[in-house]
Each structure stands twice: as structure tokens, then as C-alpha cells.
Amino acid sequence: MDKWMELIPETIRSRYELYNFSSAVEILSQTHVDAFAEIMSTLEQFQIELSDISEKGGNESNVPKRLSAQLRPLGWKETEISGDLVVRLLEGKTRKVPSREFQLKHFISGHKIDYVKGEVAVDLEWNSKDQTFDRDLYAFRTFFECGVISCGVLITRSERLNAVFDFLGYEVKKKYGASTTWMGKLLPRIHARRHGGCPLLVVGITPETISDWKGE
């Protein structure tokens, strides 16, 4: 077992698929102790039901609602980052006084993360189009490069849930297709550095989180 895994409680390791990029777990556990404890407690208590998986689309799924019910009362807030860029042109040998200065309005705009507290961000993608990961990773990157966060946690579906989808039938399986947000679509994007090096703990939701799943 990797050293970083020892920093995560066994109750979490046994229920989720976990990946640690750029020492996110070490940063969380040593630098953001309270936030790390809240995230671990949330993952430990987090449960879904088969009805959450088989529910028809159209409205927000119960799965993110369940996560919000745990994190919002603890002060984790949806946060959007925006900013203008000041550009200065410095001429000559001294280059102390700008010869021209102007501002690019809305240079940073529209990047949003579901749960932010202090310097830690958490996001969940349960069943969106897989391109949503590009948006999420760019948001983590922007928050990180602007010094707003020092690390993040991204939660999505583990491939192991496919056995549950098969059990629930064709219509459910079709809803959770290969082009939706699941671990197999996320990891290649992270390996391609689309997160810009922002330290990330990646968490995959597995069948062990389903309270009424008894296996096939």
C-alpha cells in the first residue's frame, strides 16, 4: 500500500476508489487538518440508494443533493472566481514607469466550484456529459493558479458501479453511458495535465456506498 493511503482511514479506503495527484492527500492531511477531517467524515457517512441511481433524469439527481446536505451546513459554499487583468508596458533601460497601462475586463470569468472552504475545493460529477470534466479541471486550475486554493477533491463514479447498472436493467445502464462522467473519462484528462498541476484527491463512488445494494 502506498504511503499516502495510510493517511486515509480504512473505512474510506474500503468504500472508494482513490487516486492522489501532486501530493493532495499529504497537503490536505498536514496543512488543512480541519477540512481534511470534514471531507473524511463526509465520505464515511455518504450513502446513496438504488432509487437514486434508477431515478429518471430531468432534475438534479439526489446524489449531489446528498453530498450538499452534509457539506453545506459545515460552511462549504459554491464559489465563482472572476478577475480583471492589469497590463503594463515598461520601456527603456529602467523600466520603472509604465509607458502604457490598461485593463482587460473579465480576464477570468465563469469558473465555478461546488464546494469551497478556505483553501480547499470539492466537486462532484455524478452523471453529466464527460466534457464537464474539462470545465471542472480548468476551474481547479484557475483557482489554484490564482492562489485561491492549494488543493482539491474531485468525486465521480467508479467503473465498478457498472455491475449495479447491469443489475438495474437496460434503461438505467443506457443512462450511465461511456460518454458520461466516470473515472475512465477523468483519469486520462488528469494525466494530460488539464488541471494544470493543482493537487487533486480523486474519489470514485463504488457499490460499497449503496446502502441497499446486496450484490448480484
Protein backbone atom coordinates (compact mmCIF):
# COMPACT_ATOMS: atom_id res chain seq x y z
CA MET A 1 0.00 0.00 0.00
CA ASP A 2 1.28 3.46 -0.92
CA LYS A 3 2.33 5.66 1.99
CA TRP A 4 -0.33 8.28 1.25
CA MET A 5 -3.05 5.65 1.59
CA GLU A 6 -2.08 5.22 5.24
CA LEU A 7 -3.22 8.82 5.83
CA ILE A 8 -6.77 7.90 4.83
CA PRO A 9 -8.98 5.93 7.26
CA GLU A 10 -9.54 2.29 6.34
CA THR A 11 -13.29 2.91 6.36
CA ILE A 12 -12.75 5.27 3.41
CA ARG A 13 -10.24 3.07 1.57
CA SER A 14 -12.67 0.14 1.67
CA ARG A 15 -15.58 2.13 0.19
CA TYR A 16 -14.00 4.24 -2.55
CA GLU A 17 -11.58 4.12 -5.45
CA LEU A 18 -8.85 6.64 -4.65
CA TYR A 19 -6.11 8.46 -6.57
CA ASN A 20 -3.62 11.01 -5.25
CA PHE A 21 -2.16 13.58 -7.66
CA SER A 22 0.62 16.05 -6.76
CA SER A 23 0.54 15.02 -3.07
CA ALA A 24 -3.03 16.25 -2.48
CA VAL A 25 -3.57 13.85 0.42
CA GLU A 26 -0.36 14.94 2.14
CA ILE A 27 -1.27 18.62 1.71
CA LEU A 28 -4.81 18.07 2.96
CA SER A 29 -3.90 15.98 5.98
CA GLN A 30 -0.96 18.10 7.12
CA THR A 31 -1.86 21.66 6.07
CA HIS A 32 -5.66 21.68 6.14
CA VAL A 33 -6.36 19.38 9.06
CA ASP A 34 -9.91 20.56 9.78
CA ALA A 35 -11.00 20.48 6.14
CA PHE A 36 -9.44 17.04 5.70
CA ALA A 37 -11.32 15.75 8.75
CA GLU A 38 -14.61 17.14 7.39
CA ILE A 39 -14.04 15.57 3.98
CA MET A 40 -13.16 12.20 5.50
CA SER A 41 -16.19 12.32 7.79
CA THR A 42 -18.42 13.25 4.86
CA LEU A 43 -17.12 10.37 2.73
CA GLU A 44 -17.53 7.99 5.65
CA GLN A 45 -21.18 8.96 6.16
CA PHE A 46 -22.06 9.40 2.48
CA GLN A 47 -24.54 6.82 1.21
CA ILE A 48 -26.77 6.51 -1.82
CA GLU A 49 -29.66 4.19 -2.61
CA LEU A 50 -30.60 2.16 -5.65
CA SER A 51 -33.51 4.54 -6.21
CA ASP A 52 -31.00 7.40 -6.59
CA ILE A 53 -29.39 5.51 -9.45
CA SER A 54 -32.58 4.45 -11.21
CA GLU A 55 -34.40 7.80 -10.86
CA LYS A 56 -35.39 9.42 -14.13
CA GLY A 57 -33.42 12.41 -15.38
CA GLY A 58 -34.62 15.97 -15.80
CA ASN A 59 -33.93 17.44 -12.38
CA GLU A 60 -30.82 17.49 -10.24
CA SER A 61 -30.02 13.98 -9.09
CA ASN A 62 -30.41 13.01 -5.45
CA VAL A 63 -26.72 12.08 -5.33
CA PRO A 64 -25.30 15.65 -5.31
CA LYS A 65 -28.16 16.66 -3.01
CA ARG A 66 -26.98 14.06 -0.50
CA LEU A 67 -23.46 15.45 -0.61
CA SER A 68 -24.72 19.02 -0.25
CA ALA A 69 -26.77 18.03 2.78
CA GLN A 70 -23.54 17.09 4.51
CA LEU A 71 -21.15 19.80 3.31
CA ARG A 72 -23.32 22.94 3.20
CA PRO A 73 -24.02 23.01 6.97
CA LEU A 74 -20.25 22.86 7.54
CA GLY A 75 -19.73 26.04 5.53
CA TRP A 76 -18.69 24.63 2.16
CA LYS A 77 -20.02 27.14 -0.37
CA GLU A 78 -20.39 27.26 -4.13
CA THR A 79 -17.80 29.77 -5.29
CA GLU A 80 -17.09 31.52 -8.58
CA ILE A 81 -13.85 33.28 -9.42
CA SER A 82 -13.61 36.38 -11.57
CA GLY A 83 -10.89 38.91 -12.21
CA ASP A 84 -9.55 41.67 -14.44
CA LEU A 85 -6.01 41.73 -15.80
CA VAL A 86 -3.93 44.89 -15.48
CA VAL A 87 -1.37 45.13 -18.30
CA ARG A 88 1.64 47.47 -18.01
CA LEU A 89 4.14 48.22 -20.76
CA LEU A 90 7.59 49.14 -19.44
CA GLU A 91 10.05 50.71 -21.88
CA GLY A 92 13.67 51.80 -21.78
CA LYS A 93 16.51 50.66 -19.56
CA THR A 94 14.99 51.47 -16.19
CA ARG A 95 11.51 50.14 -16.93
CA LYS A 96 10.17 51.66 -13.72
CA VAL A 97 7.38 53.84 -15.06
CA PRO A 98 4.78 52.26 -17.36
CA SER A 99 4.53 53.91 -20.74
CA ARG A 100 1.08 52.48 -21.08
CA GLU A 101 -1.31 50.74 -18.73
CA PHE A 102 -4.67 49.20 -19.49
CA GLN A 103 -7.10 46.65 -18.12
CA LEU A 104 -8.58 43.53 -19.69
CA LYS A 105 -12.01 43.22 -18.14
CA HIS A 106 -13.31 39.76 -17.16
CA PHE A 107 -9.97 38.12 -17.98
CA ILE A 108 -11.02 35.42 -15.52
CA SER A 109 -14.73 34.69 -15.61
CA GLY A 110 -17.27 31.93 -15.18
CA HIS A 111 -15.13 29.36 -13.34
CA LYS A 112 -17.15 27.83 -10.51
CA ILE A 113 -16.62 25.04 -7.98
CA ASP A 114 -19.46 23.48 -6.00
CA TYR A 115 -17.87 23.41 -2.54
CA VAL A 116 -15.07 25.70 -1.37
CA LYS A 117 -13.91 26.32 2.19
CA GLY A 118 -10.67 28.08 2.99
CA GLU A 119 -8.03 26.88 0.55
CA VAL A 120 -9.73 23.57 -0.29
CA ALA A 121 -12.25 22.84 -3.05
CA VAL A 122 -14.54 19.84 -3.59
CA ASP A 123 -16.56 18.99 -6.67
CA LEU A 124 -18.84 16.10 -7.62
CA GLU A 125 -19.68 14.86 -11.11
CA TRP A 126 -22.22 12.07 -10.95
CA ASN A 127 -23.77 11.81 -14.42
CA SER A 128 -23.05 14.69 -16.77
CA LYS A 129 -21.52 14.71 -20.24
CA ASP A 130 -17.87 13.76 -19.94
CA GLN A 131 -16.80 17.17 -21.36
CA THR A 132 -17.88 18.58 -17.99
CA PHE A 133 -14.57 17.28 -16.63
CA ASP A 134 -12.72 19.75 -18.86
CA ARG A 135 -14.66 22.60 -17.29
CA ASP A 136 -14.09 21.28 -13.77
CA LEU A 137 -10.36 20.71 -14.20
CA TYR A 138 -9.89 24.15 -15.72
CA ALA A 139 -11.77 25.63 -12.77
CA PHE A 140 -9.50 23.82 -10.29
CA ARG A 141 -6.50 25.02 -12.29
CA THR A 142 -7.67 28.64 -12.29
CA PHE A 143 -8.47 28.69 -8.57
CA PHE A 144 -5.07 27.10 -7.87
CA GLU A 145 -3.01 29.35 -10.13
CA CYS A 146 -4.69 32.43 -8.67
CA GLY A 147 -3.75 31.31 -5.16
CA VAL A 148 -7.34 30.79 -4.01
CA ILE A 149 -6.95 27.07 -3.25
CA SER A 150 -3.96 24.85 -2.57
CA CYS A 151 -5.64 21.53 -3.39
CA GLY A 152 -8.93 19.96 -4.41
CA VAL A 153 -11.08 16.85 -4.24
CA LEU A 154 -12.97 15.58 -7.28
CA ILE A 155 -15.62 12.88 -6.79
CA THR A 156 -17.12 10.81 -9.59
CA ARG A 157 -18.36 7.29 -10.41
CA SER A 158 -16.11 4.28 -10.23
CA GLU A 159 -16.27 1.80 -13.10
CA ARG A 160 -17.27 -0.77 -10.50
CA LEU A 161 -20.78 0.72 -10.47
CA ASN A 162 -21.35 -0.84 -13.89
CA ALA A 163 -22.33 -4.08 -12.17
CA VAL A 164 -25.13 -2.21 -10.40
CA PHE A 165 -26.30 -0.61 -13.65
CA ASP A 166 -26.41 -4.04 -15.29
CA PHE A 167 -28.50 -5.35 -12.40
CA LEU A 168 -30.98 -2.47 -12.66
CA GLY A 169 -31.61 -3.06 -16.36
CA TYR A 170 -31.04 -1.67 -19.83
CA GLU A 171 -32.66 1.74 -19.34
CA VAL A 172 -30.51 2.50 -16.32
CA LYS A 173 -27.37 1.20 -18.00
CA LYS A 174 -28.05 3.37 -21.06
CA LYS A 175 -28.42 6.47 -18.89
CA TYR A 176 -24.94 5.96 -17.44
CA GLY A 177 -23.18 5.57 -20.78
CA ALA A 178 -19.49 5.65 -21.69
CA SER A 179 -19.68 9.33 -22.65
CA THR A 180 -20.81 10.47 -19.18
CA THR A 181 -18.73 11.44 -16.15
CA TRP A 182 -16.97 8.42 -14.69
CA MET A 183 -13.42 7.55 -13.68
CA GLY A 184 -12.42 6.25 -17.10
CA LYS A 185 -13.10 9.67 -18.63
CA LEU A 186 -11.46 11.63 -15.82
CA LEU A 187 -8.07 10.00 -15.32
CA PRO A 188 -6.77 10.49 -18.90
CA ARG A 189 -7.59 14.19 -18.63
CA ILE A 190 -5.64 14.47 -15.38
CA HIS A 191 -2.69 12.56 -16.84
CA ALA A 192 -2.78 15.10 -19.69
CA ARG A 193 -2.37 17.82 -17.01
CA ARG A 194 -5.61 19.60 -17.83
CA HIS A 195 -5.79 20.51 -14.13
CA GLY A 196 -2.53 22.46 -14.51
CA GLY A 197 -0.86 20.63 -11.65
CA CYS A 198 -3.40 21.52 -8.99
CA PRO A 199 -3.05 18.80 -6.31
CA LEU A 200 -6.12 16.57 -6.52
CA LEU A 201 -7.56 13.73 -4.49
CA VAL A 202 -9.80 11.80 -6.88
CA VAL A 203 -12.57 9.73 -5.31
CA GLY A 204 -14.59 7.07 -7.12
CA ILE A 205 -18.03 6.14 -5.78
CA THR A 206 -18.31 2.34 -5.62
CA PRO A 207 -21.11 -0.17 -4.86
CA GLU A 208 -19.98 -0.16 -1.21
CA THR A 209 -21.60 3.27 -0.82
CA ILE A 210 -25.06 1.96 -1.79
CA SER A 211 -26.96 1.26 1.41
CA ASP A 212 -29.47 -1.19 -0.11
CA TRP A 213 -27.17 -2.98 -2.55
CA LYS A 214 -26.61 -6.61 -1.64
CA GLY A 215 -24.73 -7.63 -4.76
CA GLU A 216 -25.87 -9.88 -7.53
